[in-house]
Each structure stands twice: as structure tokens, then as C-alpha cells.
Amino acid sequence: MKMIMLVFNEAMDEEVLEVLRHCRLGNYTRLNGVFGKGTTSGTHMGTEIWPGRNNSLFMAVPDEAVEPLLKCIRELRKTMGAEGIKAFTWNLESVT
């Protein structure tokens, strides 16, 4: 299994959830209104100077579901442009 963390501009919320539905992934942990700074997405701190916020999803995903999900995320990045979404993966050693 892999752990996938998606970090995305809150404006992309519906599009990201649609990707998960398309990939038949319904289980996740969600963090709303997270702040950060990215090279391509800019700074999101929820202030007048640095407006905007991000959301984040964490998903434990079977190995065979990882690449289809990442493919969909790559396509979403192409269509949404500067709005910003990143996917990070790492090995998941156990789930209890």
C-alpha cells in the first residue's frame, strides 16, 4: 500500500473530489484551510496580502490504484493550470 497526500487550492475542491469518484477512491482524511507556499502555486496564507488557502487529502491506497490516480491528477493539473495541485506518495508500512 501507499499513502498519497494531495495538496490543492481550495478552489479546486469539486474537481479533486470528482477525480476520486472517477478512480473509485472514497476513503480519505481531509484537512481544510491549510496554508503553504509552492514554487508554482504561490503563497496561500488566508490573509489580505497572501489570499487563498489549500486543502489536503490523505489516502491509504492499494498499489494497483496509485498510478491510475496519479494519471488523473496529472490531467487535472493540465486543465486547472495555475490553481495548483500536488500529489506526494510514500510507502505505507501498516494500517491498524
N, C-alpha and C. Protein backbone atom coordinates (compact mmCIF):
# COMPACT_ATOMS: atom_id res chain seq x y z
N MET A 1 0.83 -1.19 0.00
CA MET A 1 0.00 0.00 0.00
C MET A 1 0.87 1.25 0.00
N LYS A 2 0.27 2.32 -0.47
CA LYS A 2 0.93 3.62 -0.49
C LYS A 2 0.05 4.63 0.24
N MET A 3 0.70 5.63 0.80
CA MET A 3 -0.01 6.79 1.32
C MET A 3 0.14 7.87 0.28
N ILE A 4 -0.98 8.46 -0.10
CA ILE A 4 -0.97 9.56 -1.05
C ILE A 4 -1.49 10.80 -0.32
N MET A 5 -0.75 11.89 -0.45
CA MET A 5 -1.18 13.16 0.09
C MET A 5 -1.40 14.10 -1.09
N LEU A 6 -2.60 14.62 -1.20
CA LEU A 6 -2.91 15.64 -2.19
C LEU A 6 -3.00 16.98 -1.49
N VAL A 7 -2.34 17.98 -2.02
CA VAL A 7 -2.44 19.34 -1.53
C VAL A 7 -2.90 20.18 -2.72
N PHE A 8 -3.99 20.92 -2.54
CA PHE A 8 -4.58 21.62 -3.67
C PHE A 8 -5.27 22.89 -3.22
N ASN A 9 -5.36 23.83 -4.15
CA ASN A 9 -6.06 25.08 -3.90
C ASN A 9 -7.52 24.76 -3.58
N GLU A 10 -8.08 25.41 -2.56
CA GLU A 10 -9.44 25.12 -2.15
C GLU A 10 -10.45 25.37 -3.27
N ALA A 11 -10.10 26.19 -4.24
CA ALA A 11 -10.99 26.45 -5.37
C ALA A 11 -11.18 25.21 -6.24
N MET A 12 -10.30 24.23 -6.11
CA MET A 12 -10.36 23.01 -6.92
C MET A 12 -11.09 21.87 -6.22
N ASP A 13 -11.73 22.15 -5.13
CA ASP A 13 -12.31 21.10 -4.29
C ASP A 13 -13.20 20.13 -5.07
N GLU A 14 -14.17 20.64 -5.80
CA GLU A 14 -15.09 19.76 -6.53
C GLU A 14 -14.38 18.93 -7.59
N GLU A 15 -13.44 19.53 -8.28
CA GLU A 15 -12.70 18.80 -9.32
C GLU A 15 -11.88 17.66 -8.72
N VAL A 16 -11.26 17.90 -7.57
CA VAL A 16 -10.47 16.85 -6.91
C VAL A 16 -11.39 15.72 -6.45
N LEU A 17 -12.51 16.04 -5.84
CA LEU A 17 -13.44 15.00 -5.40
C LEU A 17 -14.00 14.21 -6.57
N GLU A 18 -14.18 14.86 -7.72
CA GLU A 18 -14.63 14.14 -8.91
C GLU A 18 -13.57 13.15 -9.38
N VAL A 19 -12.31 13.53 -9.32
CA VAL A 19 -11.22 12.62 -9.68
C VAL A 19 -11.25 11.39 -8.77
N LEU A 20 -11.46 11.60 -7.48
CA LEU A 20 -11.53 10.47 -6.55
C LEU A 20 -12.71 9.55 -6.88
N ARG A 21 -13.85 10.13 -7.20
CA ARG A 21 -15.01 9.32 -7.59
C ARG A 21 -14.70 8.52 -8.86
N HIS A 22 -14.08 9.18 -9.82
CA HIS A 22 -13.71 8.52 -11.08
C HIS A 22 -12.77 7.34 -10.84
N CYS A 23 -11.85 7.50 -9.89
CA CYS A 23 -10.88 6.44 -9.57
C CYS A 23 -11.42 5.46 -8.53
N ARG A 24 -12.66 5.66 -8.12
CA ARG A 24 -13.33 4.78 -7.15
C ARG A 24 -12.60 4.73 -5.81
N LEU A 25 -12.12 5.90 -5.40
CA LEU A 25 -11.47 6.03 -4.09
C LEU A 25 -12.37 6.89 -3.22
N GLY A 26 -12.92 6.29 -2.19
CA GLY A 26 -13.86 7.01 -1.35
C GLY A 26 -13.38 7.25 0.06
N ASN A 27 -12.26 6.67 0.44
CA ASN A 27 -11.78 6.80 1.81
C ASN A 27 -10.60 7.75 1.87
N TYR A 28 -10.71 8.75 2.71
CA TYR A 28 -9.63 9.72 2.84
C TYR A 28 -9.77 10.46 4.16
N THR A 29 -8.69 11.10 4.55
CA THR A 29 -8.69 12.05 5.66
C THR A 29 -8.46 13.41 5.06
N ARG A 30 -9.30 14.35 5.46
CA ARG A 30 -9.28 15.67 4.83
C ARG A 30 -8.92 16.75 5.84
N LEU A 31 -8.05 17.65 5.41
CA LEU A 31 -7.71 18.84 6.19
C LEU A 31 -8.08 20.05 5.34
N ASN A 32 -8.95 20.89 5.86
CA ASN A 32 -9.38 22.09 5.14
C ASN A 32 -8.63 23.31 5.65
N GLY A 33 -8.41 24.25 4.73
CA GLY A 33 -7.85 25.54 5.11
C GLY A 33 -6.41 25.47 5.58
N VAL A 34 -5.59 24.70 4.89
CA VAL A 34 -4.17 24.63 5.26
C VAL A 34 -3.41 25.70 4.48
N PHE A 35 -2.34 26.17 5.06
CA PHE A 35 -1.55 27.24 4.47
C PHE A 35 -0.24 26.70 3.95
N GLY A 36 0.33 27.40 2.97
CA GLY A 36 1.61 26.97 2.45
C GLY A 36 2.10 27.85 1.32
N LYS A 37 3.27 27.48 0.83
CA LYS A 37 3.91 28.22 -0.26
C LYS A 37 4.50 27.21 -1.21
N GLY A 38 4.20 27.37 -2.49
CA GLY A 38 4.73 26.48 -3.51
C GLY A 38 5.43 27.26 -4.61
N THR A 39 6.35 26.61 -5.28
CA THR A 39 7.09 27.26 -6.35
C THR A 39 6.17 27.72 -7.48
N THR A 40 5.24 26.86 -7.88
CA THR A 40 4.35 27.22 -8.99
C THR A 40 3.00 27.74 -8.54
N SER A 41 2.56 27.38 -7.35
CA SER A 41 1.22 27.78 -6.90
C SER A 41 1.22 29.07 -6.10
N GLY A 42 2.37 29.53 -5.68
CA GLY A 42 2.44 30.76 -4.90
C GLY A 42 2.18 30.53 -3.42
N THR A 43 1.96 31.62 -2.71
CA THR A 43 1.76 31.59 -1.27
C THR A 43 0.28 31.68 -0.95
N HIS A 44 -0.20 30.80 -0.10
CA HIS A 44 -1.58 30.79 0.37
C HIS A 44 -1.57 30.82 1.89
N MET A 45 -1.91 31.96 2.46
CA MET A 45 -1.91 32.10 3.91
C MET A 45 -3.25 32.59 4.45
N GLY A 46 -4.25 32.77 3.58
CA GLY A 46 -5.57 33.18 4.02
C GLY A 46 -5.64 34.60 4.55
N THR A 47 -4.71 35.46 4.09
CA THR A 47 -4.69 36.85 4.53
C THR A 47 -4.93 37.77 3.34
N GLU A 48 -5.07 39.05 3.62
CA GLU A 48 -5.24 40.01 2.52
C GLU A 48 -3.99 40.08 1.65
N ILE A 49 -2.84 39.96 2.25
CA ILE A 49 -1.59 40.02 1.50
C ILE A 49 -1.35 38.73 0.73
N TRP A 50 -1.60 37.59 1.37
CA TRP A 50 -1.42 36.27 0.76
C TRP A 50 -2.76 35.54 0.80
N PRO A 51 -3.70 35.90 -0.10
CA PRO A 51 -5.03 35.28 -0.05
C PRO A 51 -5.02 33.82 -0.50
N GLY A 52 -6.11 33.17 -0.21
CA GLY A 52 -6.27 31.78 -0.62
C GLY A 52 -5.81 30.80 0.44
N ARG A 53 -6.36 29.62 0.35
CA ARG A 53 -5.99 28.53 1.24
C ARG A 53 -5.93 27.25 0.42
N ASN A 54 -5.33 26.25 1.01
CA ASN A 54 -5.26 24.93 0.40
C ASN A 54 -6.09 23.95 1.22
N ASN A 55 -6.44 22.86 0.61
CA ASN A 55 -6.99 21.70 1.29
C ASN A 55 -6.02 20.56 1.08
N SER A 56 -6.11 19.56 1.93
CA SER A 56 -5.23 18.41 1.80
C SER A 56 -6.03 17.14 2.07
N LEU A 57 -5.73 16.10 1.28
CA LEU A 57 -6.34 14.79 1.47
C LEU A 57 -5.24 13.76 1.65
N PHE A 58 -5.41 12.86 2.60
CA PHE A 58 -4.51 11.73 2.81
C PHE A 58 -5.31 10.46 2.52
N MET A 59 -4.72 9.56 1.72
CA MET A 59 -5.41 8.33 1.35
C MET A 59 -4.46 7.15 1.40
N ALA A 60 -4.88 6.08 2.05
CA ALA A 60 -4.17 4.81 2.00
C ALA A 60 -4.73 4.07 0.78
N VAL A 61 -3.85 3.79 -0.19
CA VAL A 61 -4.29 3.31 -1.49
C VAL A 61 -3.56 2.01 -1.84
N PRO A 62 -4.28 0.99 -2.33
CA PRO A 62 -3.61 -0.21 -2.80
C PRO A 62 -2.65 0.12 -3.94
N ASP A 63 -1.56 -0.61 -4.03
CA ASP A 63 -0.53 -0.33 -5.03
C ASP A 63 -1.09 -0.20 -6.44
N GLU A 64 -2.05 -1.07 -6.80
CA GLU A 64 -2.58 -1.06 -8.17
C GLU A 64 -3.44 0.18 -8.46
N ALA A 65 -3.86 0.91 -7.44
CA ALA A 65 -4.69 2.10 -7.64
C ALA A 65 -3.86 3.38 -7.71
N VAL A 66 -2.58 3.30 -7.40
CA VAL A 66 -1.75 4.51 -7.33
C VAL A 66 -1.58 5.17 -8.69
N GLU A 67 -1.11 4.42 -9.66
CA GLU A 67 -0.81 5.04 -10.96
C GLU A 67 -2.05 5.58 -11.66
N PRO A 68 -3.20 4.88 -11.64
CA PRO A 68 -4.40 5.49 -12.23
C PRO A 68 -4.78 6.81 -11.56
N LEU A 69 -4.64 6.89 -10.25
CA LEU A 69 -4.96 8.14 -9.56
C LEU A 69 -3.97 9.23 -9.96
N LEU A 70 -2.68 8.92 -9.98
CA LEU A 70 -1.68 9.92 -10.35
C LEU A 70 -1.86 10.39 -11.79
N LYS A 71 -2.28 9.50 -12.66
CA LYS A 71 -2.55 9.88 -14.05
C LYS A 71 -3.69 10.90 -14.09
N CYS A 72 -4.74 10.66 -13.32
CA CYS A 72 -5.87 11.61 -13.28
C CYS A 72 -5.44 12.95 -12.68
N ILE A 73 -4.58 12.92 -11.68
CA ILE A 73 -4.10 14.16 -11.08
C ILE A 73 -3.26 14.94 -12.08
N ARG A 74 -2.42 14.24 -12.85
CA ARG A 74 -1.63 14.92 -13.89
C ARG A 74 -2.55 15.60 -14.90
N GLU A 75 -3.62 14.94 -15.30
CA GLU A 75 -4.57 15.53 -16.25
C GLU A 75 -5.27 16.74 -15.63
N LEU A 76 -5.61 16.64 -14.36
CA LEU A 76 -6.25 17.76 -13.68
C LEU A 76 -5.31 18.96 -13.62
N ARG A 77 -4.03 18.70 -13.38
CA ARG A 77 -3.04 19.79 -13.37
C ARG A 77 -2.99 20.50 -14.71
N LYS A 78 -3.09 19.73 -15.79
CA LYS A 78 -3.06 20.33 -17.13
C LYS A 78 -4.27 21.23 -17.35
N THR A 79 -5.44 20.80 -16.92
CA THR A 79 -6.66 21.55 -17.19
C THR A 79 -6.86 22.72 -16.23
N MET A 80 -6.39 22.61 -14.99
CA MET A 80 -6.63 23.66 -13.99
C MET A 80 -5.52 24.70 -13.95
N GLY A 81 -4.40 24.44 -14.58
CA GLY A 81 -3.33 25.42 -14.67
C GLY A 81 -2.81 25.91 -13.34
N ALA A 82 -2.82 27.21 -13.16
CA ALA A 82 -2.17 27.84 -12.02
C ALA A 82 -2.88 27.61 -10.69
N GLU A 83 -4.06 27.02 -10.69
CA GLU A 83 -4.78 26.81 -9.43
C GLU A 83 -3.97 25.95 -8.46
N GLY A 84 -3.30 24.95 -8.96
CA GLY A 84 -2.34 24.21 -8.15
C GLY A 84 -2.84 22.97 -7.45
N ILE A 85 -2.22 21.86 -7.77
CA ILE A 85 -2.42 20.61 -7.05
C ILE A 85 -1.13 19.83 -7.11
N LYS A 86 -0.76 19.22 -6.01
CA LYS A 86 0.43 18.37 -5.94
C LYS A 86 0.03 17.05 -5.29
N ALA A 87 0.66 15.97 -5.74
CA ALA A 87 0.46 14.65 -5.15
C ALA A 87 1.81 14.15 -4.65
N PHE A 88 1.81 13.64 -3.44
CA PHE A 88 3.01 13.07 -2.84
C PHE A 88 2.68 11.64 -2.43
N THR A 89 3.59 10.72 -2.67
CA THR A 89 3.36 9.32 -2.29
C THR A 89 4.53 8.80 -1.47
N TRP A 90 4.21 7.89 -0.58
CA TRP A 90 5.24 7.17 0.16
C TRP A 90 4.69 5.82 0.58
N ASN A 91 5.59 4.90 0.89
CA ASN A 91 5.20 3.56 1.29
C ASN A 91 4.48 3.59 2.63
N LEU A 92 3.43 2.82 2.71
CA LEU A 92 2.65 2.70 3.94
C LEU A 92 2.97 1.35 4.55
N GLU A 93 3.59 1.35 5.69
CA GLU A 93 4.06 0.10 6.29
C GLU A 93 2.97 -0.70 6.99
N SER A 94 2.00 -0.01 7.61
CA SER A 94 0.95 -0.76 8.28
C SER A 94 -0.29 0.10 8.45
N VAL A 95 -1.43 -0.58 8.55
CA VAL A 95 -2.70 0.06 8.86
C VAL A 95 -3.34 -0.76 9.96
N THR A 96 -3.64 -0.12 11.08
CA THR A 96 -4.26 -0.87 12.19
C THR A 96 -5.51 -0.17 12.67
